[in-house]
């Protein structure tokens, strides 16, 4: 445990003015040197260098850019699968990109998931 005690220096010729005395770095190192080294060896690993940056958490693809997001590749749904999903009521479990691909294949329009589900349902119930 380190306890710092500040002493004060009284300036002569002034009334009640106190200026704190600041010890020099060499004095601090002399008093604390061995304790500071022991503390450092206990807290930090032997190969620790405070002047280096920490590890990079994620490797970047380009020097100034961000890593690319991995796109999940899914097999396109066939007409039979779409009809089965509509019948079981689980078409809504499909992702928006899958639903958009179905709409592109059959020439349907929609942007939001519910719109995509509605136009696909309407198309397959009419055909």
Protein backbone atom coordinates (compact mmCIF):
# COMPACT_ATOMS: atom_id res chain seq x y z
CA UNK A 1 0.00 0.00 0.00
CA UNK A 2 1.33 3.40 -0.95
CA UNK A 3 0.50 6.40 1.17
CA UNK A 4 1.44 9.85 -0.04
CA UNK A 5 1.96 12.59 2.53
CA UNK A 6 2.12 16.14 1.32
CA UNK A 7 4.22 18.51 3.32
CA UNK A 8 3.80 22.25 3.15
CA UNK A 9 6.38 24.95 2.85
CA UNK A 10 5.73 28.24 4.62
CA UNK A 11 6.92 31.32 2.79
CA UNK A 12 8.46 33.85 5.11
CA UNK A 13 7.17 37.38 5.05
CA UNK A 14 3.64 36.42 4.07
CA UNK A 15 0.73 35.79 6.30
CA UNK A 16 -0.62 32.24 6.31
CA UNK A 17 0.27 31.30 2.72
CA UNK A 18 1.13 27.64 2.28
CA UNK A 19 2.49 26.08 -0.90
CA UNK A 20 2.56 22.28 -1.13
CA UNK A 21 6.03 20.85 -1.61
CA UNK A 22 6.26 18.66 -4.71
CA UNK A 23 8.95 15.98 -4.51
CA UNK A 24 11.19 15.44 -7.53
CA UNK A 25 10.87 12.26 -9.65
CA UNK A 26 14.25 11.01 -8.49
CA UNK A 27 13.18 11.22 -4.84
CA UNK A 28 9.97 9.31 -5.59
CA UNK A 29 11.86 6.65 -7.55
CA UNK A 30 14.37 6.31 -4.73
CA UNK A 31 11.68 5.80 -2.11
CA UNK A 32 9.34 3.72 -4.21
CA UNK A 33 11.63 2.05 -6.77
CA UNK A 34 11.69 -1.52 -5.46
CA UNK A 35 7.97 -1.53 -4.57
CA UNK A 36 7.02 -0.23 -8.01
CA UNK A 37 9.12 -2.90 -9.75
CA UNK A 38 7.61 -5.61 -7.56
CA UNK A 39 4.10 -4.34 -8.27
CA UNK A 40 4.77 -4.29 -12.02
CA UNK A 41 6.13 -7.84 -11.99
CA UNK A 42 3.07 -9.10 -10.07
CA UNK A 43 0.44 -7.33 -12.17
CA UNK A 44 1.79 -7.49 -15.73
CA UNK A 45 3.11 -10.51 -17.67
CA UNK A 46 6.89 -10.68 -18.21
CA UNK A 47 6.66 -9.72 -21.91
CA UNK A 48 4.41 -6.69 -21.27
CA UNK A 49 5.47 -3.48 -22.98
CA UNK A 50 3.33 -0.41 -22.14
CA UNK A 51 4.52 1.39 -25.28
CA UNK A 52 2.90 -1.04 -27.72
CA UNK A 53 -0.74 -1.15 -28.74
CA UNK A 54 -2.98 -4.04 -27.73
CA UNK A 55 -3.92 -6.87 -30.06
CA UNK A 56 -6.25 -6.12 -32.91
CA UNK A 57 -9.57 -7.76 -32.12
CA UNK A 58 -10.59 -8.46 -35.70
CA UNK A 59 -8.49 -8.67 -38.81
CA UNK A 60 -9.62 -6.30 -41.51
CA UNK A 61 -9.71 -7.21 -45.18
CA UNK A 62 -8.25 -3.90 -46.32
CA UNK A 63 -5.97 -1.48 -44.51
CA UNK A 64 -8.67 1.18 -44.14
CA UNK A 65 -11.81 -0.87 -44.68
CA UNK A 66 -14.08 -3.15 -42.77
CA UNK A 67 -14.39 -6.87 -43.14
CA UNK A 68 -17.05 -8.10 -45.51
CA UNK A 69 -20.25 -9.50 -44.11
CA UNK A 70 -20.73 -13.17 -44.93
CA UNK A 71 -23.85 -13.76 -46.95
CA UNK A 72 -25.70 -16.96 -46.24
CA UNK A 73 -26.34 -18.82 -49.47
CA UNK A 74 -29.68 -20.61 -49.53
CA UNK A 75 -31.06 -22.92 -52.16
CA UNK A 76 -33.96 -21.36 -54.06
CA UNK A 77 -37.40 -22.66 -53.23
CA UNK A 78 -39.17 -24.67 -55.89
CA UNK A 79 -42.89 -24.38 -56.67
CA UNK A 80 -43.68 -27.58 -54.74
CA UNK A 81 -41.82 -26.32 -51.65
CA UNK A 82 -43.60 -22.95 -51.79
CA UNK A 83 -47.01 -24.63 -52.01
CA UNK A 84 -46.10 -26.92 -49.08
CA UNK A 85 -44.95 -23.93 -46.98
CA UNK A 86 -48.18 -22.06 -47.79
CA UNK A 87 -50.25 -25.10 -46.88
CA UNK A 88 -48.44 -25.59 -43.54
CA UNK A 89 -48.45 -21.84 -42.79
CA UNK A 90 -44.68 -21.66 -42.39
CA UNK A 91 -43.82 -19.49 -45.38
CA UNK A 92 -43.34 -16.60 -42.94
CA UNK A 93 -40.33 -18.39 -41.45
CA UNK A 94 -38.40 -17.79 -44.66
CA UNK A 95 -36.02 -14.83 -44.84
CA UNK A 96 -36.74 -11.71 -46.87
CA UNK A 97 -34.00 -12.47 -49.45
CA UNK A 98 -35.55 -15.90 -50.10
CA UNK A 99 -39.01 -14.37 -50.45
CA UNK A 100 -37.66 -11.68 -52.79
CA UNK A 101 -36.05 -14.36 -54.96
CA UNK A 102 -39.41 -16.16 -55.20
CA UNK A 103 -41.06 -12.86 -56.20
CA UNK A 104 -38.40 -12.19 -58.85
CA UNK A 105 -38.85 -15.67 -60.29
CA UNK A 106 -42.62 -15.23 -60.68
CA UNK A 107 -42.62 -11.50 -61.57
CA UNK A 108 -44.25 -10.36 -58.33
CA UNK A 109 -43.71 -6.99 -56.63
CA UNK A 110 -43.15 -6.27 -52.94
CA UNK A 111 -40.55 -4.84 -50.59
CA UNK A 112 -41.52 -5.56 -46.99
CA UNK A 113 -41.81 -9.08 -45.65
CA UNK A 114 -45.57 -8.96 -45.15
CA UNK A 115 -46.08 -7.56 -48.65
CA UNK A 116 -43.91 -10.35 -50.07
CA UNK A 117 -45.89 -12.99 -48.17
CA UNK A 118 -49.20 -11.48 -49.36
CA UNK A 119 -48.27 -11.38 -53.06
CA UNK A 120 -46.78 -14.90 -52.99
CA UNK A 121 -49.89 -16.25 -51.24
CA UNK A 122 -52.18 -14.47 -53.71
CA UNK A 123 -50.20 -15.72 -56.70
CA UNK A 124 -50.18 -19.37 -55.61
CA UNK A 125 -53.81 -19.38 -54.50
CA UNK A 126 -54.84 -18.05 -57.96
CA UNK A 127 -52.72 -20.59 -59.86
